[in-house]
Amino acid sequence: ILVTCREEWSAEEIIAAYHGQSHV
């Protein structure tokens, strides 16, 4: 379950941000 406060993001953007976290 991915929880975010970014209501303007699409589901694809939220998932991409989650997967990009490992790079950071």
mmCIF file of all heavy atoms, coordinates in Angstrom:
data_MODEL
# 
_entry.id   MODEL 
# 
loop_
_atom_site.group_PDB 
_atom_site.id 
_atom_site.type_symbol 
_atom_site.label_atom_id 
_atom_site.label_alt_id 
_atom_site.label_comp_id 
_atom_site.label_asym_id 
_atom_site.label_entity_id 
_atom_site.label_seq_id 
_atom_site.pdbx_PDB_ins_code 
_atom_site.Cartn_x 
_atom_site.Cartn_y 
_atom_site.Cartn_z 
_atom_site.occupancy 
_atom_site.B_iso_or_equiv 
_atom_site.pdbx_formal_charge 
_atom_site.auth_seq_id 
_atom_site.auth_comp_id 
_atom_site.auth_asym_id 
_atom_site.auth_atom_id 
_atom_site.pdbx_PDB_model_num 
ATOM 1   N N   . ILE A 1 1  ? 0.867  -1.171 0.000   1.00 0.00 ? 1  ILE A N   1 
ATOM 2   C CA  . ILE A 1 1  ? 0.000  0.000  0.000   1.00 0.00 ? 1  ILE A CA  1 
ATOM 3   C C   . ILE A 1 1  ? 0.903  1.219  0.000   1.00 0.00 ? 1  ILE A C   1 
ATOM 4   O O   . ILE A 1 1  ? 1.746  1.385  0.878   1.00 0.00 ? 1  ILE A O   1 
ATOM 5   C CB  . ILE A 1 1  ? -0.919 0.010  1.239   1.00 0.00 ? 1  ILE A CB  1 
ATOM 6   C CG1 . ILE A 1 1  ? -1.839 -1.199 1.216   1.00 0.00 ? 1  ILE A CG1 1 
ATOM 7   C CG2 . ILE A 1 1  ? -1.710 1.296  1.292   1.00 0.00 ? 1  ILE A CG2 1 
ATOM 8   C CD1 . ILE A 1 1  ? -2.668 -1.352 2.474   1.00 0.00 ? 1  ILE A CD1 1 
ATOM 9   N N   . LEU A 1 2  ? 0.761  2.060  -1.007  1.00 0.00 ? 2  LEU A N   1 
ATOM 10  C CA  . LEU A 1 2  ? 1.553  3.278  -1.111  1.00 0.00 ? 2  LEU A CA  1 
ATOM 11  C C   . LEU A 1 2  ? 0.684  4.447  -0.675  1.00 0.00 ? 2  LEU A C   1 
ATOM 12  O O   . LEU A 1 2  ? -0.403 4.655  -1.201  1.00 0.00 ? 2  LEU A O   1 
ATOM 13  C CB  . LEU A 1 2  ? 2.038  3.489  -2.545  1.00 0.00 ? 2  LEU A CB  1 
ATOM 14  C CG  . LEU A 1 2  ? 2.909  2.372  -3.125  1.00 0.00 ? 2  LEU A CG  1 
ATOM 15  C CD1 . LEU A 1 2  ? 3.285  2.693  -4.561  1.00 0.00 ? 2  LEU A CD1 1 
ATOM 16  C CD2 . LEU A 1 2  ? 4.145  2.150  -2.291  1.00 0.00 ? 2  LEU A CD2 1 
ATOM 17  N N   . VAL A 1 3  ? 1.176  5.202  0.288   1.00 0.00 ? 3  VAL A N   1 
ATOM 18  C CA  . VAL A 1 3  ? 0.443  6.343  0.816   1.00 0.00 ? 3  VAL A CA  1 
ATOM 19  C C   . VAL A 1 3  ? 1.218  7.597  0.466   1.00 0.00 ? 3  VAL A C   1 
ATOM 20  O O   . VAL A 1 3  ? 2.434  7.655  0.645   1.00 0.00 ? 3  VAL A O   1 
ATOM 21  C CB  . VAL A 1 3  ? 0.287  6.220  2.356   1.00 0.00 ? 3  VAL A CB  1 
ATOM 22  C CG1 . VAL A 1 3  ? -0.458 7.414  2.901   1.00 0.00 ? 3  VAL A CG1 1 
ATOM 23  C CG2 . VAL A 1 3  ? -0.406 4.922  2.715   1.00 0.00 ? 3  VAL A CG2 1 
ATOM 24  N N   . THR A 1 4  ? 0.531  8.606  -0.055  1.00 0.00 ? 4  THR A N   1 
ATOM 25  C CA  . THR A 1 4  ? 1.188  9.853  -0.419  1.00 0.00 ? 4  THR A CA  1 
ATOM 26  C C   . THR A 1 4  ? 0.255  11.029 -0.156  1.00 0.00 ? 4  THR A C   1 
ATOM 27  O O   . THR A 1 4  ? -0.956 10.868 -0.087  1.00 0.00 ? 4  THR A O   1 
ATOM 28  C CB  . THR A 1 4  ? 1.609  9.842  -1.905  1.00 0.00 ? 4  THR A CB  1 
ATOM 29  O OG1 . THR A 1 4  ? 2.272  11.059 -2.189  1.00 0.00 ? 4  THR A OG1 1 
ATOM 30  C CG2 . THR A 1 4  ? 0.420  9.677  -2.823  1.00 0.00 ? 4  THR A CG2 1 
ATOM 31  N N   . CYS A 1 5  ? 0.863  12.190 -0.018  1.00 0.00 ? 5  CYS A N   1 
ATOM 32  C CA  . CYS A 1 5  ? 0.083  13.416 0.129   1.00 0.00 ? 5  CYS A CA  1 
ATOM 33  C C   . CYS A 1 5  ? 0.012  14.164 -1.203  1.00 0.00 ? 5  CYS A C   1 
ATOM 34  O O   . CYS A 1 5  ? -0.558 15.240 -1.285  1.00 0.00 ? 5  CYS A O   1 
ATOM 35  C CB  . CYS A 1 5  ? 0.670  14.297 1.221   1.00 0.00 ? 5  CYS A CB  1 
ATOM 36  S SG  . CYS A 1 5  ? 2.346  14.825 0.864   1.00 0.00 ? 5  CYS A SG  1 
ATOM 37  N N   . ARG A 1 6  ? 0.576  13.596 -2.251  1.00 0.00 ? 6  ARG A N   1 
ATOM 38  C CA  . ARG A 1 6  ? 0.586  14.212 -3.580  1.00 0.00 ? 6  ARG A CA  1 
ATOM 39  C C   . ARG A 1 6  ? -0.699 13.833 -4.321  1.00 0.00 ? 6  ARG A C   1 
ATOM 40  O O   . ARG A 1 6  ? -0.713 12.919 -5.142  1.00 0.00 ? 6  ARG A O   1 
ATOM 41  C CB  . ARG A 1 6  ? 1.794  13.739 -4.381  1.00 0.00 ? 6  ARG A CB  1 
ATOM 42  C CG  . ARG A 1 6  ? 3.114  13.946 -3.713  1.00 0.00 ? 6  ARG A CG  1 
ATOM 43  C CD  . ARG A 1 6  ? 3.494  15.393 -3.828  1.00 0.00 ? 6  ARG A CD  1 
ATOM 44  N NE  . ARG A 1 6  ? 4.827  15.576 -3.286  1.00 0.00 ? 6  ARG A NE  1 
ATOM 45  C CZ  . ARG A 1 6  ? 5.554  16.616 -3.534  1.00 0.00 ? 6  ARG A CZ  1 
ATOM 46  N NH1 . ARG A 1 6  ? 5.098  17.577 -4.287  1.00 0.00 ? 6  ARG A NH1 1 
ATOM 47  N NH2 . ARG A 1 6  ? 6.738  16.725 -3.008  1.00 0.00 ? 6  ARG A NH2 1 
ATOM 48  N N   . GLU A 1 7  ? -1.755 14.547 -4.040  1.00 0.00 ? 7  GLU A N   1 
ATOM 49  C CA  . GLU A 1 7  ? -3.053 14.222 -4.638  1.00 0.00 ? 7  GLU A CA  1 
ATOM 50  C C   . GLU A 1 7  ? -3.085 14.519 -6.136  1.00 0.00 ? 7  GLU A C   1 
ATOM 51  O O   . GLU A 1 7  ? -3.894 13.929 -6.865  1.00 0.00 ? 7  GLU A O   1 
ATOM 52  C CB  . GLU A 1 7  ? -4.155 14.998 -3.928  1.00 0.00 ? 7  GLU A CB  1 
ATOM 53  C CG  . GLU A 1 7  ? -4.316 14.596 -2.485  1.00 0.00 ? 7  GLU A CG  1 
ATOM 54  C CD  . GLU A 1 7  ? -5.345 15.444 -1.745  1.00 0.00 ? 7  GLU A CD  1 
ATOM 55  O OE1 . GLU A 1 7  ? -6.058 16.221 -2.410  1.00 0.00 ? 7  GLU A OE1 1 
ATOM 56  O OE2 . GLU A 1 7  ? -5.423 15.317 -0.524  1.00 0.00 ? 7  GLU A OE2 1 
ATOM 57  N N   . GLU A 1 8  ? -2.213 15.425 -6.613  1.00 0.00 ? 8  GLU A N   1 
ATOM 58  C CA  . GLU A 1 8  ? -2.219 15.774 -8.024  1.00 0.00 ? 8  GLU A CA  1 
ATOM 59  C C   . GLU A 1 8  ? -1.494 14.749 -8.892  1.00 0.00 ? 8  GLU A C   1 
ATOM 60  O O   . GLU A 1 8  ? -1.589 14.785 -10.113 1.00 0.00 ? 8  GLU A O   1 
ATOM 61  C CB  . GLU A 1 8  ? -1.607 17.169 -8.232  1.00 0.00 ? 8  GLU A CB  1 
ATOM 62  C CG  . GLU A 1 8  ? -0.115 17.265 -7.949  1.00 0.00 ? 8  GLU A CG  1 
ATOM 63  C CD  . GLU A 1 8  ? 0.231  17.471 -6.479  1.00 0.00 ? 8  GLU A CD  1 
ATOM 64  O OE1 . GLU A 1 8  ? -0.669 17.451 -5.621  1.00 0.00 ? 8  GLU A OE1 1 
ATOM 65  O OE2 . GLU A 1 8  ? 1.430  17.647 -6.190  1.00 0.00 ? 8  GLU A OE2 1 
ATOM 66  N N   . TRP A 1 9  ? -0.747 13.799 -8.292  1.00 0.00 ? 9  TRP A N   1 
ATOM 67  C CA  . TRP A 1 9  ? -0.010 12.797 -9.047  1.00 0.00 ? 9  TRP A CA  1 
ATOM 68  C C   . TRP A 1 9  ? -0.935 11.689 -9.516  1.00 0.00 ? 9  TRP A C   1 
ATOM 69  O O   . TRP A 1 9  ? -1.863 11.297 -8.820  1.00 0.00 ? 9  TRP A O   1 
ATOM 70  C CB  . TRP A 1 9  ? 1.092  12.192 -8.197  1.00 0.00 ? 9  TRP A CB  1 
ATOM 71  C CG  . TRP A 1 9  ? 2.279  13.079 -7.985  1.00 0.00 ? 9  TRP A CG  1 
ATOM 72  C CD1 . TRP A 1 9  ? 2.405  14.392 -8.319  1.00 0.00 ? 9  TRP A CD1 1 
ATOM 73  C CD2 . TRP A 1 9  ? 3.500  12.700 -7.366  1.00 0.00 ? 9  TRP A CD2 1 
ATOM 74  N NE1 . TRP A 1 9  ? 3.629  14.858 -7.954  1.00 0.00 ? 9  TRP A NE1 1 
ATOM 75  C CE2 . TRP A 1 9  ? 4.334  13.835 -7.360  1.00 0.00 ? 9  TRP A CE2 1 
ATOM 76  C CE3 . TRP A 1 9  ? 3.976  11.535 -6.821  1.00 0.00 ? 9  TRP A CE3 1 
ATOM 77  C CZ2 . TRP A 1 9  ? 5.611  13.820 -6.831  1.00 0.00 ? 9  TRP A CZ2 1 
ATOM 78  C CZ3 . TRP A 1 9  ? 5.244  11.517 -6.293  1.00 0.00 ? 9  TRP A CZ3 1 
ATOM 79  C CH2 . TRP A 1 9  ? 6.062  12.648 -6.302  1.00 0.00 ? 9  TRP A CH2 1 
ATOM 80  N N   . SER A 1 10 ? -0.627 11.131 -10.680 1.00 0.00 ? 10 SER A N   1 
ATOM 81  C CA  . SER A 1 10 ? -1.373 9.962  -11.156 1.00 0.00 ? 10 SER A CA  1 
ATOM 82  C C   . SER A 1 10 ? -0.797 8.718  -10.470 1.00 0.00 ? 10 SER A C   1 
ATOM 83  O O   . SER A 1 10 ? 0.268  8.760  -9.843  1.00 0.00 ? 10 SER A O   1 
ATOM 84  C CB  . SER A 1 10 ? -1.233 9.835  -12.671 1.00 0.00 ? 10 SER A CB  1 
ATOM 85  O OG  . SER A 1 10 ? 0.105  9.510  -13.013 1.00 0.00 ? 10 SER A OG  1 
ATOM 86  N N   . ALA A 1 11 ? -1.500 7.606  -10.625 1.00 0.00 ? 11 ALA A N   1 
ATOM 87  C CA  . ALA A 1 11 ? -1.028 6.349  -10.033 1.00 0.00 ? 11 ALA A CA  1 
ATOM 88  C C   . ALA A 1 11 ? 0.327  5.950  -10.606 1.00 0.00 ? 11 ALA A C   1 
ATOM 89  O O   . ALA A 1 11 ? 1.200  5.462  -9.882  1.00 0.00 ? 11 ALA A O   1 
ATOM 90  C CB  . ALA A 1 11 ? -2.058 5.241  -10.269 1.00 0.00 ? 11 ALA A CB  1 
ATOM 91  N N   . GLU A 1 12 ? 0.524  6.179  -11.903 1.00 0.00 ? 12 GLU A N   1 
ATOM 92  C CA  . GLU A 1 12 ? 1.805  5.831  -12.539 1.00 0.00 ? 12 GLU A CA  1 
ATOM 93  C C   . GLU A 1 12 ? 2.952  6.654  -11.956 1.00 0.00 ? 12 GLU A C   1 
ATOM 94  O O   . GLU A 1 12 ? 4.047  6.149  -11.749 1.00 0.00 ? 12 GLU A O   1 
ATOM 95  C CB  . GLU A 1 12 ? 1.729  6.039  -14.059 1.00 0.00 ? 12 GLU A CB  1 
ATOM 96  C CG  . GLU A 1 12 ? 0.813  5.069  -14.774 1.00 0.00 ? 12 GLU A CG  1 
ATOM 97  C CD  . GLU A 1 12 ? -0.654 5.484  -14.723 1.00 0.00 ? 12 GLU A CD  1 
ATOM 98  O OE1 . GLU A 1 12 ? -0.937 6.651  -14.361 1.00 0.00 ? 12 GLU A OE1 1 
ATOM 99  O OE2 . GLU A 1 12 ? -1.513 4.643  -15.020 1.00 0.00 ? 12 GLU A OE2 1 
ATOM 100 N N   . GLU A 1 13 ? 2.702  7.935  -11.708 1.00 0.00 ? 13 GLU A N   1 
ATOM 101 C CA  . GLU A 1 13 ? 3.744  8.792  -11.133 1.00 0.00 ? 13 GLU A CA  1 
ATOM 102 C C   . GLU A 1 13 ? 4.087  8.368  -9.706  1.00 0.00 ? 13 GLU A C   1 
ATOM 103 O O   . GLU A 1 13 ? 5.258  8.398  -9.306  1.00 0.00 ? 13 GLU A O   1 
ATOM 104 C CB  . GLU A 1 13 ? 3.287  10.251 -11.148 1.00 0.00 ? 13 GLU A CB  1 
ATOM 105 C CG  . GLU A 1 13 ? 3.211  10.862 -12.531 1.00 0.00 ? 13 GLU A CG  1 
ATOM 106 C CD  . GLU A 1 13 ? 2.590  12.244 -12.537 1.00 0.00 ? 13 GLU A CD  1 
ATOM 107 O OE1 . GLU A 1 13 ? 1.651  12.502 -11.755 1.00 0.00 ? 13 GLU A OE1 1 
ATOM 108 O OE2 . GLU A 1 13 ? 3.072  13.079 -13.319 1.00 0.00 ? 13 GLU A OE2 1 
ATOM 109 N N   . ILE A 1 14 ? 3.097  7.974  -8.945  1.00 0.00 ? 14 ILE A N   1 
ATOM 110 C CA  . ILE A 1 14 ? 3.341  7.521  -7.568  1.00 0.00 ? 14 ILE A CA  1 
ATOM 111 C C   . ILE A 1 14 ? 4.176  6.247  -7.583  1.00 0.00 ? 14 ILE A C   1 
ATOM 112 O O   . ILE A 1 14 ? 5.150  6.113  -6.826  1.00 0.00 ? 14 ILE A O   1 
ATOM 113 C CB  . ILE A 1 14 ? 2.011  7.304  -6.825  1.00 0.00 ? 14 ILE A CB  1 
ATOM 114 C CG1 . ILE A 1 14 ? 1.298  8.654  -6.633  1.00 0.00 ? 14 ILE A CG1 1 
ATOM 115 C CG2 . ILE A 1 14 ? 2.232  6.615  -5.489  1.00 0.00 ? 14 ILE A CG2 1 
ATOM 116 C CD1 . ILE A 1 14 ? -0.116 8.535  -6.132  1.00 0.00 ? 14 ILE A CD1 1 
ATOM 117 N N   . ILE A 1 15 ? 3.840  5.312  -8.441  1.00 0.00 ? 15 ILE A N   1 
ATOM 118 C CA  . ILE A 1 15 ? 4.587  4.046  -8.522  1.00 0.00 ? 15 ILE A CA  1 
ATOM 119 C C   . ILE A 1 15 ? 6.010  4.303  -9.013  1.00 0.00 ? 15 ILE A C   1 
ATOM 120 O O   . ILE A 1 15 ? 6.973  3.731  -8.486  1.00 0.00 ? 15 ILE A O   1 
ATOM 121 C CB  . ILE A 1 15 ? 3.846  3.045  -9.419  1.00 0.00 ? 15 ILE A CB  1 
ATOM 122 C CG1 . ILE A 1 15 ? 2.535  2.633  -8.736  1.00 0.00 ? 15 ILE A CG1 1 
ATOM 123 C CG2 . ILE A 1 15 ? 4.707  1.832  -9.717  1.00 0.00 ? 15 ILE A CG2 1 
ATOM 124 C CD1 . ILE A 1 15 ? 1.592  1.851  -9.614  1.00 0.00 ? 15 ILE A CD1 1 
ATOM 125 N N   . ALA A 1 16 ? 6.177  5.198  -9.988  1.00 0.00 ? 16 ALA A N   1 
ATOM 126 C CA  . ALA A 1 16 ? 7.521  5.527  -10.489 1.00 0.00 ? 16 ALA A CA  1 
ATOM 127 C C   . ALA A 1 16 ? 8.365  6.172  -9.391  1.00 0.00 ? 16 ALA A C   1 
ATOM 128 O O   . ALA A 1 16 ? 9.558  5.876  -9.257  1.00 0.00 ? 16 ALA A O   1 
ATOM 129 C CB  . ALA A 1 16 ? 7.422  6.444  -11.704 1.00 0.00 ? 16 ALA A CB  1 
ATOM 130 N N   . ALA A 1 17 ? 7.758  7.047  -8.598  1.00 0.00 ? 17 ALA A N   1 
ATOM 131 C CA  . ALA A 1 17 ? 8.485  7.686  -7.499  1.00 0.00 ? 17 ALA A CA  1 
ATOM 132 C C   . ALA A 1 17 ? 8.887  6.649  -6.453  1.00 0.00 ? 17 ALA A C   1 
ATOM 133 O O   . ALA A 1 17 ? 9.995  6.699  -5.908  1.00 0.00 ? 17 ALA A O   1 
ATOM 134 C CB  . ALA A 1 17 ? 7.631  8.775  -6.860  1.00 0.00 ? 17 ALA A CB  1 
ATOM 135 N N   . TYR A 1 18 ? 8.002  5.699  -6.195  1.00 0.00 ? 18 TYR A N   1 
ATOM 136 C CA  . TYR A 1 18 ? 8.313  4.640  -5.224  1.00 0.00 ? 18 TYR A CA  1 
ATOM 137 C C   . TYR A 1 18 ? 9.489  3.795  -5.711  1.00 0.00 ? 18 TYR A C   1 
ATOM 138 O O   . TYR A 1 18 ? 10.412 3.505  -4.960  1.00 0.00 ? 18 TYR A O   1 
ATOM 139 C CB  . TYR A 1 18 ? 7.080  3.759  -5.003  1.00 0.00 ? 18 TYR A CB  1 
ATOM 140 C CG  . TYR A 1 18 ? 7.381  2.536  -4.183  1.00 0.00 ? 18 TYR A CG  1 
ATOM 141 C CD1 . TYR A 1 18 ? 7.594  2.638  -2.811  1.00 0.00 ? 18 TYR A CD1 1 
ATOM 142 C CD2 . TYR A 1 18 ? 7.479  1.288  -4.775  1.00 0.00 ? 18 TYR A CD2 1 
ATOM 143 C CE1 . TYR A 1 18 ? 7.890  1.522  -2.054  1.00 0.00 ? 18 TYR A CE1 1 
ATOM 144 C CE2 . TYR A 1 18 ? 7.771  0.171  -4.026  1.00 0.00 ? 18 TYR A CE2 1 
ATOM 145 C CZ  . TYR A 1 18 ? 7.977  0.290  -2.673  1.00 0.00 ? 18 TYR A CZ  1 
ATOM 146 O OH  . TYR A 1 18 ? 8.271  -0.814 -1.928  1.00 0.00 ? 18 TYR A OH  1 
ATOM 147 N N   . HIS A 1 19 ? 9.477  3.416  -6.990  1.00 0.00 ? 19 HIS A N   1 
ATOM 148 C CA  . HIS A 1 19 ? 10.574 2.606  -7.530  1.00 0.00 ? 19 HIS A CA  1 
ATOM 149 C C   . HIS A 1 19 ? 11.864 3.418  -7.638  1.00 0.00 ? 19 HIS A C   1 
ATOM 150 O O   . HIS A 1 19 ? 12.953 2.859  -7.517  1.00 0.00 ? 19 HIS A O   1 
ATOM 151 C CB  . HIS A 1 19 ? 10.197 2.024  -8.883  1.00 0.00 ? 19 HIS A CB  1 
ATOM 152 C CG  . HIS A 1 19 ? 9.164  0.949  -8.799  1.00 0.00 ? 19 HIS A CG  1 
ATOM 153 N ND1 . HIS A 1 19 ? 9.361  -0.230 -8.116  1.00 0.00 ? 19 HIS A ND1 1 
ATOM 154 C CD2 . HIS A 1 19 ? 7.908  0.883  -9.294  1.00 0.00 ? 19 HIS A CD2 1 
ATOM 155 C CE1 . HIS A 1 19 ? 8.288  -0.976 -8.194  1.00 0.00 ? 19 HIS A CE1 1 
ATOM 156 N NE2 . HIS A 1 19 ? 7.373  -0.323 -8.909  1.00 0.00 ? 19 HIS A NE2 1 
ATOM 157 N N   . GLY A 1 20 ? 11.772 4.729  -7.850  1.00 0.00 ? 20 GLY A N   1 
ATOM 158 C CA  . GLY A 1 20 ? 12.951 5.573  -7.928  1.00 0.00 ? 20 GLY A CA  1 
ATOM 159 C C   . GLY A 1 20 ? 13.620 5.799  -6.586  1.00 0.00 ? 20 GLY A C   1 
ATOM 160 O O   . GLY A 1 20 ? 14.777 6.209  -6.522  1.00 0.00 ? 20 GLY A O   1 
ATOM 161 N N   . GLN A 1 21 ? 12.914 5.518  -5.518  1.00 0.00 ? 21 GLN A N   1 
ATOM 162 C CA  . GLN A 1 21 ? 13.460 5.704  -4.177  1.00 0.00 ? 21 GLN A CA  1 
ATOM 163 C C   . GLN A 1 21 ? 14.702 4.843  -3.967  1.00 0.00 ? 21 GLN A C   1 
ATOM 164 O O   . GLN A 1 21 ? 15.656 5.267  -3.312  1.00 0.00 ? 21 GLN A O   1 
ATOM 165 C CB  . GLN A 1 21 ? 12.387 5.346  -3.152  1.00 0.00 ? 21 GLN A CB  1 
ATOM 166 C CG  . GLN A 1 21 ? 12.835 5.429  -1.726  1.00 0.00 ? 21 GLN A CG  1 
ATOM 167 C CD  . GLN A 1 21 ? 11.716 5.023  -0.768  1.00 0.00 ? 21 GLN A CD  1 
ATOM 168 O OE1 . GLN A 1 21 ? 10.584 4.774  -1.168  1.00 0.00 ? 21 GLN A OE1 1 
ATOM 169 N NE2 . GLN A 1 21 ? 12.038 4.950  0.493   1.00 0.00 ? 21 GLN A NE2 1 
ATOM 170 N N   . SER A 1 22 ? 14.733 3.659  -4.537  1.00 0.00 ? 22 SER A N   1 
ATOM 171 C CA  . SER A 1 22 ? 15.888 2.774  -4.353  1.00 0.00 ? 22 SER A CA  1 
ATOM 172 C C   . SER A 1 22 ? 17.149 3.378  -4.969  1.00 0.00 ? 22 SER A C   1 
ATOM 173 O O   . SER A 1 22 ? 18.252 3.174  -4.462  1.00 0.00 ? 22 SER A O   1 
ATOM 174 C CB  . SER A 1 22 ? 15.618 1.401  -4.945  1.00 0.00 ? 22 SER A CB  1 
ATOM 175 O OG  . SER A 1 22 ? 15.472 1.490  -6.351  1.00 0.00 ? 22 SER A OG  1 
ATOM 176 N N   . HIS A 1 23 ? 16.994 4.137  -6.066  1.00 0.00 ? 23 HIS A N   1 
ATOM 177 C CA  . HIS A 1 23 ? 18.158 4.778  -6.683  1.00 0.00 ? 23 HIS A CA  1 
ATOM 178 C C   . HIS A 1 23 ? 18.747 5.841  -5.758  1.00 0.00 ? 23 HIS A C   1 
ATOM 179 O O   . HIS A 1 23 ? 19.962 5.951  -5.617  1.00 0.00 ? 23 HIS A O   1 
ATOM 180 C CB  . HIS A 1 23 ? 17.782 5.403  -8.019  1.00 0.00 ? 23 HIS A CB  1 
ATOM 181 C CG  . HIS A 1 23 ? 17.250 4.415  -9.018  1.00 0.00 ? 23 HIS A CG  1 
ATOM 182 N ND1 . HIS A 1 23 ? 17.986 3.369  -9.504  1.00 0.00 ? 23 HIS A ND1 1 
ATOM 183 C CD2 . HIS A 1 23 ? 16.033 4.318  -9.603  1.00 0.00 ? 23 HIS A CD2 1 
ATOM 184 C CE1 . HIS A 1 23 ? 17.271 2.675  -10.345 1.00 0.00 ? 23 HIS A CE1 1 
ATOM 185 N NE2 . HIS A 1 23 ? 16.070 3.220  -10.430 1.00 0.00 ? 23 HIS A NE2 1 
ATOM 186 N N   . VAL A 1 24 ? 17.886 6.617  -5.131  1.00 0.00 ? 24 VAL A N   1 
ATOM 187 C CA  . VAL A 1 24 ? 18.344 7.651  -4.200  1.00 0.00 ? 24 VAL A CA  1 
ATOM 188 C C   . VAL A 1 24 ? 19.029 7.003  -2.996  1.00 0.00 ? 24 VAL A C   1 
ATOM 189 O O   . VAL A 1 24 ? 20.087 7.454  -2.541  1.00 0.00 ? 24 VAL A O   1 
ATOM 190 C CB  . VAL A 1 24 ? 17.157 8.538  -3.757  1.00 0.00 ? 24 VAL A CB  1 
ATOM 191 C CG1 . VAL A 1 24 ? 17.594 9.519  -2.684  1.00 0.00 ? 24 VAL A CG1 1 
ATOM 192 C CG2 . VAL A 1 24 ? 16.568 9.273  -4.945  1.00 0.00 ? 24 VAL A CG2 1 
# 
